[in-house]
Amino acid sequence: MLAAAVLAPGGAPDMRVDAKGLSMGRTGDAAVLADRIQTASRDWCAQHRAVLTPSDLGLPQVCEREMRRRAYYQLPASERRLFVKAGGRRLLNQF
């Protein structure tokens, strides 16, 4: 099982993304994870945006982009490479 847990700043809870049962080497699974990261980022930022991006409160995309970046870098390097090869990073950057 692979789980991307993002260390949140301050008193905000970590953002967790369930990657159980997904294989980053498969295009479909990489797309599923990219979608889950996007959804988790949007939901986390809706509640905790002021903690992460206090000077950009009117711009939710700033928080969401940062949380997507953090989730991506929480993947182990070998899984990150597979995620990129399967097109997951490209999909993640489209959001």
PDB file of N, CA and C in Angstrom:
ATOM      1  N   MET A   1       0.842  -1.185   0.000  1.00  0.00           N
ATOM      2  CA  MET A   1       0.000   0.000   0.000  1.00  0.00           C
ATOM      3  C   MET A   1       0.877   1.236   0.000  1.00  0.00           C
ATOM      4  N   LEU A   2       0.474   2.174  -0.739  1.00  0.00           N
ATOM      5  CA  LEU A   2       1.186   3.437  -0.855  1.00  0.00           C
ATOM      6  C   LEU A   2       0.233   4.522  -0.407  1.00  0.00           C
ATOM      7  N   ALA A   3       0.655   5.354   0.504  1.00  0.00           N
ATOM      8  CA  ALA A   3      -0.217   6.446   0.947  1.00  0.00           C
ATOM      9  C   ALA A   3       0.577   7.730   0.966  1.00  0.00           C
ATOM     10  N   ALA A   4       0.032   8.750   0.383  1.00  0.00           N
ATOM     11  CA  ALA A   4       0.687  10.055   0.397  1.00  0.00           C
ATOM     12  C   ALA A   4       0.108  10.846   1.554  1.00  0.00           C
ATOM     13  N   ALA A   5       0.897  11.012   2.584  1.00  0.00           N
ATOM     14  CA  ALA A   5       0.476  11.820   3.727  1.00  0.00           C
ATOM     15  C   ALA A   5       1.260  13.113   3.661  1.00  0.00           C
ATOM     16  N   VAL A   6       0.566  14.198   3.622  1.00  0.00           N
ATOM     17  CA  VAL A   6       1.223  15.487   3.465  1.00  0.00           C
ATOM     18  C   VAL A   6       1.330  16.151   4.818  1.00  0.00           C
ATOM     19  N   LEU A   7       2.540  16.533   5.168  1.00  0.00           N
ATOM     20  CA  LEU A   7       2.739  17.207   6.434  1.00  0.00           C
ATOM     21  C   LEU A   7       2.217  18.625   6.340  1.00  0.00           C
ATOM     22  N   ALA A   8       1.197  18.894   7.098  1.00  0.00           N
ATOM     23  CA  ALA A   8       0.573  20.210   7.075  1.00  0.00           C
ATOM     24  C   ALA A   8       1.265  21.132   8.068  1.00  0.00           C
ATOM     25  N   PRO A   9       1.307  22.409   7.768  1.00  0.00           N
ATOM     26  CA  PRO A   9       1.930  23.375   8.662  1.00  0.00           C
ATOM     27  C   PRO A   9       1.033  23.686   9.857  1.00  0.00           C
ATOM     28  N   GLY A  10       1.643  24.197  10.895  1.00  0.00           N
ATOM     29  CA  GLY A  10       0.872  24.686  12.038  1.00  0.00           C
ATOM     30  C   GLY A  10      -0.009  23.629  12.652  1.00  0.00           C
ATOM     31  N   GLY A  11      -1.221  24.028  13.008  1.00  0.00           N
ATOM     32  CA  GLY A  11      -2.134  23.128  13.683  1.00  0.00           C
ATOM     33  C   GLY A  11      -3.085  22.392  12.765  1.00  0.00           C
ATOM     34  N   ALA A  12      -2.937  22.539  11.480  1.00  0.00           N
ATOM     35  CA  ALA A  12      -3.832  21.849  10.546  1.00  0.00           C
ATOM     36  C   ALA A  12      -3.483  20.363  10.490  1.00  0.00           C
ATOM     37  N   PRO A  13      -4.486  19.512  10.321  1.00  0.00           N
ATOM     38  CA  PRO A  13      -4.212  18.077  10.207  1.00  0.00           C
ATOM     39  C   PRO A  13      -3.535  17.756   8.878  1.00  0.00           C
ATOM     40  N   ASP A  14      -2.827  16.635   8.861  1.00  0.00           N
ATOM     41  CA  ASP A  14      -2.209  16.188   7.618  1.00  0.00           C
ATOM     42  C   ASP A  14      -3.293  15.845   6.600  1.00  0.00           C
ATOM     43  N   MET A  15      -2.950  16.013   5.335  1.00  0.00           N
ATOM     44  CA  MET A  15      -3.832  15.580   4.256  1.00  0.00           C
ATOM     45  C   MET A  15      -3.405  14.162   3.886  1.00  0.00           C
ATOM     46  N   ARG A  16      -4.340  13.252   3.821  1.00  0.00           N
ATOM     47  CA  ARG A  16      -4.026  11.869   3.471  1.00  0.00           C
ATOM     48  C   ARG A  16      -4.748  11.484   2.186  1.00  0.00           C
ATOM     49  N   VAL A  17      -4.037  10.731   1.378  1.00  0.00           N
ATOM     50  CA  VAL A  17      -4.601  10.271   0.110  1.00  0.00           C
ATOM     51  C   VAL A  17      -4.460   8.757   0.072  1.00  0.00           C
ATOM     52  N   ASP A  18      -5.560   8.065  -0.078  1.00  0.00           N
ATOM     53  CA  ASP A  18      -5.552   6.611  -0.106  1.00  0.00           C
ATOM     54  C   ASP A  18      -5.086   6.121  -1.471  1.00  0.00           C
ATOM     55  N   ALA A  19      -4.017   5.371  -1.457  1.00  0.00           N
ATOM     56  CA  ALA A  19      -3.499   4.802  -2.696  1.00  0.00           C
ATOM     57  C   ALA A  19      -3.488   3.276  -2.619  1.00  0.00           C
ATOM     58  N   LYS A  20      -4.220   2.744  -1.670  1.00  0.00           N
ATOM     59  CA  LYS A  20      -4.266   1.301  -1.467  1.00  0.00           C
ATOM     60  C   LYS A  20      -4.760   0.598  -2.725  1.00  0.00           C
ATOM     61  N   GLY A  21      -4.028  -0.420  -3.126  1.00  0.00           N
ATOM     62  CA  GLY A  21      -4.428  -1.222  -4.273  1.00  0.00           C
ATOM     63  C   GLY A  21      -4.072  -0.635  -5.627  1.00  0.00           C
ATOM     64  N   LEU A  22      -3.454   0.537  -5.639  1.00  0.00           N
ATOM     65  CA  LEU A  22      -3.089   1.167  -6.916  1.00  0.00           C
ATOM     66  C   LEU A  22      -1.649   0.828  -7.280  1.00  0.00           C
ATOM     67  N   SER A  23      -1.404   0.621  -8.546  1.00  0.00           N
ATOM     68  CA  SER A  23      -0.057   0.395  -9.059  1.00  0.00           C
ATOM     69  C   SER A  23       0.318   1.597  -9.915  1.00  0.00           C
ATOM     70  N   MET A  24       1.345   2.311  -9.514  1.00  0.00           N
ATOM     71  CA  MET A  24       1.720   3.535 -10.221  1.00  0.00           C
ATOM     72  C   MET A  24       2.239   3.266 -11.626  1.00  0.00           C
ATOM     73  N   GLY A  25       2.552   2.020 -11.934  1.00  0.00           N
ATOM     74  CA  GLY A  25       3.010   1.676 -13.271  1.00  0.00           C
ATOM     75  C   GLY A  25       1.882   1.551 -14.284  1.00  0.00           C
ATOM     76  N   ARG A  26       0.658   1.548 -13.813  1.00  0.00           N
ATOM     77  CA  ARG A  26      -0.502   1.434 -14.704  1.00  0.00           C
ATOM     78  C   ARG A  26      -1.116   2.812 -14.915  1.00  0.00           C
ATOM     79  N   THR A  27      -1.329   3.171 -16.162  1.00  0.00           N
ATOM     80  CA  THR A  27      -1.861   4.491 -16.510  1.00  0.00           C
ATOM     81  C   THR A  27      -3.174   4.781 -15.794  1.00  0.00           C
ATOM     82  N   GLY A  28      -4.075   3.834 -15.787  1.00  0.00           N
ATOM     83  CA  GLY A  28      -5.367   4.037 -15.137  1.00  0.00           C
ATOM     84  C   GLY A  28      -5.241   4.294 -13.651  1.00  0.00           C
ATOM     85  N   ASP A  29      -4.334   3.567 -13.000  1.00  0.00           N
ATOM     86  CA  ASP A  29      -4.140   3.753 -11.565  1.00  0.00           C
ATOM     87  C   ASP A  29      -3.477   5.089 -11.262  1.00  0.00           C
ATOM     88  N   ALA A  30      -2.554   5.508 -12.106  1.00  0.00           N
ATOM     89  CA  ALA A  30      -1.920   6.815 -11.917  1.00  0.00           C
ATOM     90  C   ALA A  30      -2.965   7.919 -12.054  1.00  0.00           C
ATOM     91  N   ALA A  31      -3.888   7.748 -12.975  1.00  0.00           N
ATOM     92  CA  ALA A  31      -4.963   8.733 -13.159  1.00  0.00           C
ATOM     93  C   ALA A  31      -5.887   8.762 -11.947  1.00  0.00           C
ATOM     94  N   VAL A  32      -6.170   7.595 -11.392  1.00  0.00           N
ATOM     95  CA  VAL A  32      -7.014   7.521 -10.193  1.00  0.00           C
ATOM     96  C   VAL A  32      -6.333   8.253  -9.043  1.00  0.00           C
ATOM     97  N   LEU A  33      -5.029   8.019  -8.860  1.00  0.00           N
ATOM     98  CA  LEU A  33      -4.317   8.699  -7.777  1.00  0.00           C
ATOM     99  C   LEU A  33      -4.274  10.204  -8.012  1.00  0.00           C
ATOM    100  N   ALA A  34      -4.037  10.627  -9.241  1.00  0.00           N
ATOM    101  CA  ALA A  34      -4.020  12.064  -9.544  1.00  0.00           C
ATOM    102  C   ALA A  34      -5.364  12.688  -9.181  1.00  0.00           C
ATOM    103  N   ASP A  35      -6.443  12.007  -9.496  1.00  0.00           N
ATOM    104  CA  ASP A  35      -7.773  12.513  -9.164  1.00  0.00           C
ATOM    105  C   ASP A  35      -7.986  12.554  -7.652  1.00  0.00           C
ATOM    106  N   ARG A  36      -7.534  11.519  -6.955  1.00  0.00           N
ATOM    107  CA  ARG A  36      -7.675  11.493  -5.492  1.00  0.00           C
ATOM    108  C   ARG A  36      -6.862  12.616  -4.839  1.00  0.00           C
ATOM    109  N   ILE A  37      -5.661  12.853  -5.354  1.00  0.00           N
ATOM    110  CA  ILE A  37      -4.836  13.942  -4.819  1.00  0.00           C
ATOM    111  C   ILE A  37      -5.531  15.277  -5.058  1.00  0.00           C
ATOM    112  N   GLN A  38      -6.081  15.452  -6.240  1.00  0.00           N
ATOM    113  CA  GLN A  38      -6.774  16.708  -6.569  1.00  0.00           C
ATOM    114  C   GLN A  38      -7.948  16.920  -5.628  1.00  0.00           C
ATOM    115  N   THR A  39      -8.749  15.889  -5.433  1.00  0.00           N
ATOM    116  CA  THR A  39      -9.926  15.988  -4.567  1.00  0.00           C
ATOM    117  C   THR A  39      -9.521  16.266  -3.125  1.00  0.00           C
ATOM    118  N   ALA A  40      -8.521  15.535  -2.635  1.00  0.00           N
ATOM    119  CA  ALA A  40      -8.060  15.745  -1.257  1.00  0.00           C
ATOM    120  C   ALA A  40      -7.503  17.153  -1.075  1.00  0.00           C
ATOM    121  N   SER A  41      -6.774  17.649  -2.059  1.00  0.00           N
ATOM    122  CA  SER A  41      -6.213  19.003  -1.988  1.00  0.00           C
ATOM    123  C   SER A  41      -7.323  20.045  -1.926  1.00  0.00           C
ATOM    124  N   ARG A  42      -8.307  19.881  -2.771  1.00  0.00           N
ATOM    125  CA  ARG A  42      -9.432  20.827  -2.788  1.00  0.00           C
ATOM    126  C   ARG A  42     -10.167  20.812  -1.451  1.00  0.00           C
ATOM    127  N   ASP A  43     -10.449  19.616  -0.936  1.00  0.00           N
ATOM    128  CA  ASP A  43     -11.182  19.501   0.325  1.00  0.00           C
ATOM    129  C   ASP A  43     -10.367  20.041   1.498  1.00  0.00           C
ATOM    130  N   TRP A  44      -9.067  19.694   1.540  1.00  0.00           N
ATOM    131  CA  TRP A  44      -8.206  20.158   2.630  1.00  0.00           C
ATOM    132  C   TRP A  44      -8.122  21.678   2.612  1.00  0.00           C
ATOM    133  N   CYS A  45      -7.919  22.246   1.455  1.00  0.00           N
ATOM    134  CA  CYS A  45      -7.762  23.701   1.350  1.00  0.00           C
ATOM    135  C   CYS A  45      -9.057  24.445   1.652  1.00  0.00           C
ATOM    136  N   ALA A  46     -10.188  23.822   1.390  1.00  0.00           N
ATOM    137  CA  ALA A  46     -11.460  24.467   1.713  1.00  0.00           C
ATOM    138  C   ALA A  46     -11.573  24.711   3.214  1.00  0.00           C
ATOM    139  N   GLN A  47     -10.942  23.856   4.003  1.00  0.00           N
ATOM    140  CA  GLN A  47     -11.008  23.987   5.457  1.00  0.00           C
ATOM    141  C   GLN A  47      -9.793  24.673   6.069  1.00  0.00           C
ATOM    142  N   HIS A  48      -8.607  24.497   5.475  1.00  0.00           N
ATOM    143  CA  HIS A  48      -7.370  24.916   6.141  1.00  0.00           C
ATOM    144  C   HIS A  48      -6.512  25.876   5.332  1.00  0.00           C
ATOM    145  N   ARG A  49      -7.065  26.466   4.301  1.00  0.00           N
ATOM    146  CA  ARG A  49      -6.286  27.337   3.413  1.00  0.00           C
ATOM    147  C   ARG A  49      -5.577  28.460   4.172  1.00  0.00           C
ATOM    148  N   ALA A  50      -6.203  29.029   5.186  1.00  0.00           N
ATOM    149  CA  ALA A  50      -5.617  30.145   5.935  1.00  0.00           C
ATOM    150  C   ALA A  50      -4.316  29.751   6.624  1.00  0.00           C
ATOM    151  N   VAL A  51      -4.162  28.481   6.950  1.00  0.00           N
ATOM    152  CA  VAL A  51      -2.945  28.015   7.616  1.00  0.00           C
ATOM    153  C   VAL A  51      -1.781  27.948   6.631  1.00  0.00           C
ATOM    154  N   LEU A  52      -2.047  27.478   5.427  1.00  0.00           N
ATOM    155  CA  LEU A  52      -0.984  27.265   4.439  1.00  0.00           C
ATOM    156  C   LEU A  52      -0.663  28.514   3.633  1.00  0.00           C
ATOM    157  N   THR A  53      -1.672  29.230   3.214  1.00  0.00           N
ATOM    158  CA  THR A  53      -1.460  30.398   2.346  1.00  0.00           C
ATOM    159  C   THR A  53      -2.208  31.615   2.889  1.00  0.00           C
ATOM    160  N   PRO A  54      -1.807  32.116   4.064  1.00  0.00           N
ATOM    161  CA  PRO A  54      -2.555  33.220   4.680  1.00  0.00           C
ATOM    162  C   PRO A  54      -2.596  34.493   3.841  1.00  0.00           C
ATOM    163  N   SER A  55      -1.590  34.749   3.052  1.00  0.00           N
ATOM    164  CA  SER A  55      -1.593  35.979   2.257  1.00  0.00           C
ATOM    165  C   SER A  55      -2.323  35.806   0.925  1.00  0.00           C
ATOM    166  N   ASP A  56      -2.747  34.598   0.614  1.00  0.00           N
ATOM    167  CA  ASP A  56      -3.454  34.323  -0.644  1.00  0.00           C
ATOM    168  C   ASP A  56      -4.836  33.738  -0.386  1.00  0.00           C
ATOM    169  N   LEU A  57      -5.514  34.214   0.646  1.00  0.00           N
ATOM    170  CA  LEU A  57      -6.806  33.635   1.030  1.00  0.00           C
ATOM    171  C   LEU A  57      -7.842  33.660  -0.082  1.00  0.00           C
ATOM    172  N   GLY A  58      -7.785  34.651  -0.928  1.00  0.00           N
ATOM    173  CA  GLY A  58      -8.759  34.736  -2.005  1.00  0.00           C
ATOM    174  C   GLY A  58      -8.445  33.839  -3.187  1.00  0.00           C
ATOM    175  N   LEU A  59      -7.323  33.149  -3.136  1.00  0.00           N
ATOM    176  CA  LEU A  59      -6.880  32.317  -4.257  1.00  0.00           C
ATOM    177  C   LEU A  59      -6.749  30.856  -3.817  1.00  0.00           C
ATOM    178  N   PRO A  60      -7.831  30.099  -3.832  1.00  0.00           N
ATOM    179  CA  PRO A  60      -7.744  28.708  -3.385  1.00  0.00           C
ATOM    180  C   PRO A  60      -6.779  27.875  -4.218  1.00  0.00           C
ATOM    181  N   GLN A  61      -6.579  28.244  -5.482  1.00  0.00           N
ATOM    182  CA  GLN A  61      -5.690  27.443  -6.336  1.00  0.00           C
ATOM    183  C   GLN A  61      -4.244  27.463  -5.843  1.00  0.00           C
ATOM    184  N   VAL A  62      -3.834  28.501  -5.126  1.00  0.00           N
ATOM    185  CA  VAL A  62      -2.470  28.559  -4.589  1.00  0.00           C
ATOM    186  C   VAL A  62      -2.288  27.448  -3.558  1.00  0.00           C
ATOM    187  N   CYS A  63      -3.232  27.327  -2.644  1.00  0.00           N
ATOM    188  CA  CYS A  63      -3.189  26.280  -1.630  1.00  0.00           C
ATOM    189  C   CYS A  63      -3.276  24.899  -2.276  1.00  0.00           C
ATOM    190  N   GLU A  64      -4.210  24.731  -3.192  1.00  0.00           N
ATOM    191  CA  GLU A  64      -4.408  23.426  -3.825  1.00  0.00           C
ATOM    192  C   GLU A  64      -3.173  22.980  -4.596  1.00  0.00           C
ATOM    193  N   ARG A  65      -2.552  23.891  -5.312  1.00  0.00           N
ATOM    194  CA  ARG A  65      -1.341  23.561  -6.066  1.00  0.00           C
ATOM    195  C   ARG A  65      -0.223  23.122  -5.118  1.00  0.00           C
ATOM    196  N   GLU A  66      -0.073  23.827  -4.002  1.00  0.00           N
ATOM    197  CA  GLU A  66       0.970  23.479  -3.034  1.00  0.00           C
ATOM    198  C   GLU A  66       0.696  22.123  -2.398  1.00  0.00           C
ATOM    199  N   MET A  67      -0.533  21.839  -2.052  1.00  0.00           N
ATOM    200  CA  MET A  67      -0.842  20.549  -1.446  1.00  0.00           C
ATOM    201  C   MET A  67      -0.671  19.413  -2.456  1.00  0.00           C
ATOM    202  N   ARG A  68      -1.005  19.640  -3.716  1.00  0.00           N
ATOM    203  CA  ARG A  68      -0.758  18.614  -4.749  1.00  0.00           C
ATOM    204  C   ARG A  68       0.739  18.359  -4.881  1.00  0.00           C
ATOM    205  N   ARG A  69       1.526  19.427  -4.854  1.00  0.00           N
ATOM    206  CA  ARG A  69       2.980  19.292  -4.946  1.00  0.00           C
ATOM    207  C   ARG A  69       3.514  18.485  -3.766  1.00  0.00           C
ATOM    208  N   ARG A  70       3.043  18.806  -2.573  1.00  0.00           N
ATOM    209  CA  ARG A  70       3.502  18.089  -1.381  1.00  0.00           C
ATOM    210  C   ARG A  70       3.118  16.614  -1.434  1.00  0.00           C
ATOM    211  N   ALA A  71       1.907  16.323  -1.881  1.00  0.00           N
ATOM    212  CA  ALA A  71       1.469  14.930  -1.976  1.00  0.00           C
ATOM    213  C   ALA A  71       2.348  14.159  -2.962  1.00  0.00           C
ATOM    214  N   TYR A  72       2.638  14.771  -4.095  1.00  0.00           N
ATOM    215  CA  TYR A  72       3.489  14.139  -5.107  1.00  0.00           C
ATOM    216  C   TYR A  72       4.854  13.795  -4.517  1.00  0.00           C
ATOM    217  N   TYR A  73       5.445  14.728  -3.787  1.00  0.00           N
ATOM    218  CA  TYR A  73       6.777  14.494  -3.244  1.00  0.00           C
ATOM    219  C   TYR A  73       6.784  13.581  -2.027  1.00  0.00           C
ATOM    220  N   GLN A  74       5.631  13.235  -1.488  1.00  0.00           N
ATOM    221  CA  GLN A  74       5.567  12.252  -0.410  1.00  0.00           C
ATOM    222  C   GLN A  74       5.604  10.822  -0.945  1.00  0.00           C
ATOM    223  N   LEU A  75       5.373  10.659  -2.240  1.00  0.00           N
ATOM    224  CA  LEU A  75       5.491   9.325  -2.829  1.00  0.00           C
ATOM    225  C   LEU A  75       6.952   8.899  -2.795  1.00  0.00           C
ATOM    226  N   PRO A  76       7.224   7.630  -2.530  1.00  0.00           N
ATOM    227  CA  PRO A  76       8.607   7.150  -2.623  1.00  0.00           C
ATOM    228  C   PRO A  76       9.140   7.400  -4.036  1.00  0.00           C
ATOM    229  N   ALA A  77      10.429   7.652  -4.152  1.00  0.00           N
ATOM    230  CA  ALA A  77      11.043   8.010  -5.441  1.00  0.00           C
ATOM    231  C   ALA A  77      10.716   6.994  -6.539  1.00  0.00           C
ATOM    232  N   SER A  78      10.761   5.717  -6.228  1.00  0.00           N
ATOM    233  CA  SER A  78      10.476   4.698  -7.253  1.00  0.00           C
ATOM    234  C   SER A  78       9.021   4.788  -7.722  1.00  0.00           C
ATOM    235  N   GLU A  79       8.100   5.049  -6.805  1.00  0.00           N
ATOM    236  CA  GLU A  79       6.688   5.198  -7.168  1.00  0.00           C
ATOM    237  C   GLU A  79       6.454   6.496  -7.936  1.00  0.00           C
ATOM    238  N   ARG A  80       7.185   7.540  -7.566  1.00  0.00           N
ATOM    239  CA  ARG A  80       7.078   8.820  -8.278  1.00  0.00           C
ATOM    240  C   ARG A  80       7.474   8.658  -9.732  1.00  0.00           C
ATOM    241  N   ARG A  81       8.567   7.936  -9.975  1.00  0.00           N
ATOM    242  CA  ARG A  81       9.023   7.706 -11.354  1.00  0.00           C
ATOM    243  C   ARG A  81       7.961   6.960 -12.157  1.00  0.00           C
ATOM    244  N   LEU A  82       7.391   5.925 -11.567  1.00  0.00           N
ATOM    245  CA  LEU A  82       6.337   5.170 -12.249  1.00  0.00           C
ATOM    246  C   LEU A  82       5.108   6.046 -12.494  1.00  0.00           C
ATOM    247  N   PHE A  83       4.755   6.864 -11.523  1.00  0.00           N
ATOM    248  CA  PHE A  83       3.614   7.779 -11.633  1.00  0.00           C
ATOM    249  C   PHE A  83       3.818   8.733 -12.804  1.00  0.00           C
ATOM    250  N   VAL A  84       5.028   9.260 -12.946  1.00  0.00           N
ATOM    251  CA  VAL A  84       5.344  10.177 -14.051  1.00  0.00           C
ATOM    252  C   VAL A  84       5.271   9.438 -15.382  1.00  0.00           C
ATOM    253  N   LYS A  85       5.894   8.258 -15.459  1.00  0.00           N
ATOM    254  CA  LYS A  85       5.889   7.485 -16.708  1.00  0.00           C
ATOM    255  C   LYS A  85       4.477   7.113 -17.147  1.00  0.00           C
ATOM    256  N   ALA A  86       3.592   6.894 -16.184  1.00  0.00           N
ATOM    257  CA  ALA A  86       2.212   6.510 -16.503  1.00  0.00           C
ATOM    258  C   ALA A  86       1.321   7.723 -16.775  1.00  0.00           C
ATOM    259  N   GLY A  87       1.897   8.913 -16.731  1.00  0.00           N
ATOM    260  CA  GLY A  87       1.140  10.123 -17.057  1.00  0.00           C
ATOM    261  C   GLY A  87       0.447  10.793 -15.888  1.00  0.00           C
ATOM    262  N   GLY A  88       0.673  10.297 -14.683  1.00  0.00           N
ATOM    263  CA  GLY A  88       0.008  10.860 -13.512  1.00  0.00           C
ATOM    264  C   GLY A  88       0.403  12.294 -13.205  1.00  0.00           C
ATOM    265  N   ARG A  89       1.676  12.605 -13.357  1.00  0.00           N
ATOM    266  CA  ARG A  89       2.129  13.975 -13.069  1.00  0.00           C
ATOM    267  C   ARG A  89       1.498  14.967 -14.053  1.00  0.00           C
ATOM    268  N   ARG A  90       1.430  14.586 -15.306  1.00  0.00           N
ATOM    269  CA  ARG A  90       0.815  15.447 -16.319  1.00  0.00           C
ATOM    270  C   ARG A  90      -0.646  15.708 -15.962  1.00  0.00           C
ATOM    271  N   LEU A  91      -1.354  14.659 -15.569  1.00  0.00           N
ATOM    272  CA  LEU A  91      -2.757  14.817 -15.175  1.00  0.00           C
ATOM    273  C   LEU A  91      -2.891  15.694 -13.934  1.00  0.00           C
ATOM    274  N   LEU A  92      -1.999  15.500 -12.994  1.00  0.00           N
ATOM    275  CA  LEU A  92      -2.034  16.285 -11.764  1.00  0.00           C
ATOM    276  C   LEU A  92      -1.811  17.762 -12.053  1.00  0.00           C
ATOM    277  N   ASN A  93      -0.953  18.056 -12.999  1.00  0.00           N
ATOM    278  CA  ASN A  93      -0.663  19.451 -13.344  1.00  0.00           C
ATOM    279  C   ASN A  93      -1.785  20.111 -14.139  1.00  0.00           C
ATOM    280  N   GLN A  94      -2.711  19.327 -14.675  1.00  0.00           N
ATOM    281  CA  GLN A  94      -3.828  19.891 -15.440  1.00  0.00           C
ATOM    282  C   GLN A  94      -4.886  20.513 -14.546  1.00  0.00           C
ATOM    283  N   PHE A  95      -4.921  20.118 -13.296  1.00  0.00           N
ATOM    284  CA  PHE A  95      -5.962  20.627 -12.389  1.00  0.00           C
ATOM    285  C   PHE A  95      -5.690  22.065 -12.033  1.00  0.00           C
TER     286      PHE A  95
END
